Protein backbone atom coordinates (compact mmCIF):
# COMPACT_ATOMS: atom_id res chain seq x y z
CA UNK A 1 118.38 118.37 72.44
CA UNK A 2 118.09 120.67 75.45
CA UNK A 3 115.22 120.04 77.86
CA UNK A 4 113.70 123.47 77.18
CA UNK A 5 113.61 122.76 73.43
CA UNK A 6 111.34 119.75 73.75
CA UNK A 7 107.99 120.61 72.11
CA UNK A 8 105.83 119.96 75.20
CA UNK A 9 102.75 121.52 73.62
CA UNK A 10 102.88 119.06 70.73
CA UNK A 11 103.52 116.16 73.08
CA UNK A 12 100.54 117.03 75.28
CA UNK A 13 98.37 117.53 72.19
CA UNK A 14 99.47 114.11 70.90
CA UNK A 15 98.67 112.47 74.25
CA UNK A 16 95.19 114.02 74.26
CA UNK A 17 94.68 112.70 70.71
CA UNK A 18 95.73 109.21 71.89
CA UNK A 19 93.15 109.39 74.68
CA UNK A 20 90.49 110.49 72.19
CA UNK A 21 91.31 107.85 69.55
CA UNK A 22 92.08 104.84 71.73
CA UNK A 23 89.92 105.56 74.75
CA UNK A 24 90.83 106.18 78.36
CA UNK A 25 92.59 102.93 79.33
CA UNK A 26 94.69 102.42 76.16
CA UNK A 27 95.37 106.17 76.08
CA UNK A 28 96.57 106.10 79.68
CA UNK A 29 98.80 103.13 78.86
CA UNK A 30 100.24 105.05 75.91
CA UNK A 31 100.82 108.07 78.16
CA UNK A 32 102.61 105.80 80.63
CA UNK A 33 104.82 104.57 77.79
CA UNK A 34 105.70 108.14 76.80
CA UNK A 35 106.60 108.93 80.41
CA UNK A 36 108.74 105.79 80.61
CA UNK A 37 110.59 106.75 77.39
CA UNK A 38 111.19 110.24 78.80
CA UNK A 39 112.52 108.71 82.03
CA UNK A 40 114.93 106.50 80.03
CA UNK A 41 116.11 109.55 78.07
CA UNK A 42 116.81 111.39 81.34
CA UNK A 43 118.67 108.37 82.72
CA UNK A 44 120.91 108.35 79.66
CA UNK A 45 121.56 112.09 80.15
CA UNK A 46 122.47 111.44 83.80
CA UNK A 47 124.94 108.71 82.89
CA UNK A 48 126.66 111.15 80.54
CA UNK A 49 127.79 113.50 83.26
CA UNK A 50 125.19 114.73 85.71
CA UNK A 51 126.54 114.95 89.27
CA UNK A 52 125.07 112.65 91.93
CA UNK A 53 123.97 112.97 95.53
CA UNK A 54 122.02 110.86 98.02
CA UNK A 55 118.23 110.86 98.03
CA UNK A 56 115.70 109.33 100.42
CA UNK A 57 112.65 107.54 99.07
CA UNK A 58 109.68 109.08 100.88
CA UNK A 59 106.76 107.10 99.47
CA UNK A 60 105.57 104.76 96.78
CA UNK A 61 102.18 104.60 95.11
CA UNK A 62 101.13 101.40 93.31
CA UNK A 63 99.05 101.89 90.15
CA UNK A 64 97.20 99.29 88.06
CA UNK A 65 95.65 99.97 84.68
CA UNK A 66 94.47 96.89 82.82
CA UNK A 67 97.39 94.43 82.87
CA UNK A 68 99.95 97.15 83.56
CA UNK A 69 101.25 97.63 87.10
CA UNK A 70 103.71 100.32 88.11
CA UNK A 71 105.00 102.15 91.15
CA UNK A 72 105.50 105.89 91.33
CA UNK A 73 108.15 106.67 93.93
CA UNK A 74 108.62 110.10 95.47
CA UNK A 75 112.09 111.00 96.75
CA UNK A 76 113.85 114.01 98.28
CA UNK A 77 117.44 115.18 97.96
CA UNK A 78 119.54 118.20 98.94
CA UNK A 79 121.41 120.40 96.45
CA UNK A 80 121.55 123.90 97.92
CA UNK A 81 118.04 123.33 99.23
CA UNK A 82 115.70 120.36 99.62
CA UNK A 83 114.18 119.19 96.36
CA UNK A 84 111.92 116.31 95.33
CA UNK A 85 111.38 114.09 92.33
CA UNK A 86 109.46 111.05 91.14
CA UNK A 87 110.49 107.76 89.56
CA UNK A 88 108.31 105.20 87.73
CA UNK A 89 109.09 101.47 87.86
CA UNK A 90 107.10 98.68 86.12
CA UNK A 91 106.07 95.33 87.63
CA UNK A 92 104.28 92.15 86.60
CA UNK A 93 101.92 92.05 89.60
CA UNK A 94 100.48 94.25 92.32
CA UNK A 95 102.07 91.94 94.92
CA UNK A 96 105.55 92.50 93.45
CA UNK A 97 104.93 96.25 93.33
CA UNK A 98 103.77 96.38 96.97
CA UNK A 99 106.79 94.30 98.07
CA UNK A 100 109.11 96.64 96.17
CA UNK A 101 107.61 99.71 97.86
CA UNK A 102 108.03 98.02 101.24
CA UNK A 103 111.67 97.26 100.45
CA UNK A 104 112.70 100.72 99.25
CA UNK A 105 110.60 103.09 101.38
CA UNK A 106 112.80 105.27 103.63
CA UNK A 107 115.96 103.92 101.97
CA UNK A 108 118.76 106.05 100.56
CA UNK A 109 119.57 105.85 96.87
CA UNK A 110 121.85 107.78 94.55
CA UNK A 111 120.13 110.43 92.44
CA UNK A 112 121.67 112.27 89.49
CA UNK A 113 120.72 115.89 88.90
CA UNK A 114 121.30 118.46 86.20
CA UNK A 115 124.14 120.70 87.40
CA UNK A 116 122.60 123.74 85.67
CA UNK A 117 119.06 122.97 86.87
CA UNK A 118 119.32 120.91 90.09
CA UNK A 119 115.52 120.60 90.32
CA UNK A 120 115.77 118.13 87.39
CA UNK A 121 116.80 114.74 88.70
CA UNK A 122 116.68 111.05 87.91
CA UNK A 123 117.25 107.77 89.73
CA UNK A 124 118.89 105.11 87.57
CA UNK A 125 116.94 101.84 87.46
CA UNK A 126 120.09 99.87 88.33
CA UNK A 127 120.71 101.96 91.48
CA UNK A 128 117.13 101.48 92.65
CA UNK A 129 117.18 97.75 91.97
CA UNK A 130 120.42 97.46 93.99
CA UNK A 131 118.75 99.14 96.98
CA UNK A 132 115.82 96.71 96.71
CA UNK A 133 118.14 93.71 96.47
CA UNK A 134 120.06 94.77 99.58
CA UNK A 135 116.89 95.38 101.64
CA UNK A 136 116.21 92.78 104.36
CA UNK A 137 113.56 90.24 103.36
CA UNK A 138 111.41 90.27 106.51
CA UNK A 139 108.05 88.55 106.23
């Protein structure tokens, strides 16, 4: 399925229905799950042949909703011009999420991008986890 053929109107309508039926917090958690599934789908597309380049992680924002904790990273990369993207990563605690942001901020990581639409990009979870593992553990 091509990215432009995804029925975004129906998806947004469904997400609004989830918010209405389940309430704000469960609806937001469901929306997070949909975003995570979409991110996994893009990662699988990237593995199947998208070219790669280096990106720099600019910032990380820790979010907590109920028991769910995640980080939204913002990164920049250059393909003909400077571009940016975001990546979502889940954690068990706010402390782990904050430590992860500290470890990866300003680090370089490989990003895959769609050769036909270089503004569409994705960081593979395994590449990001490798950067975090190799970061010095200063305390």
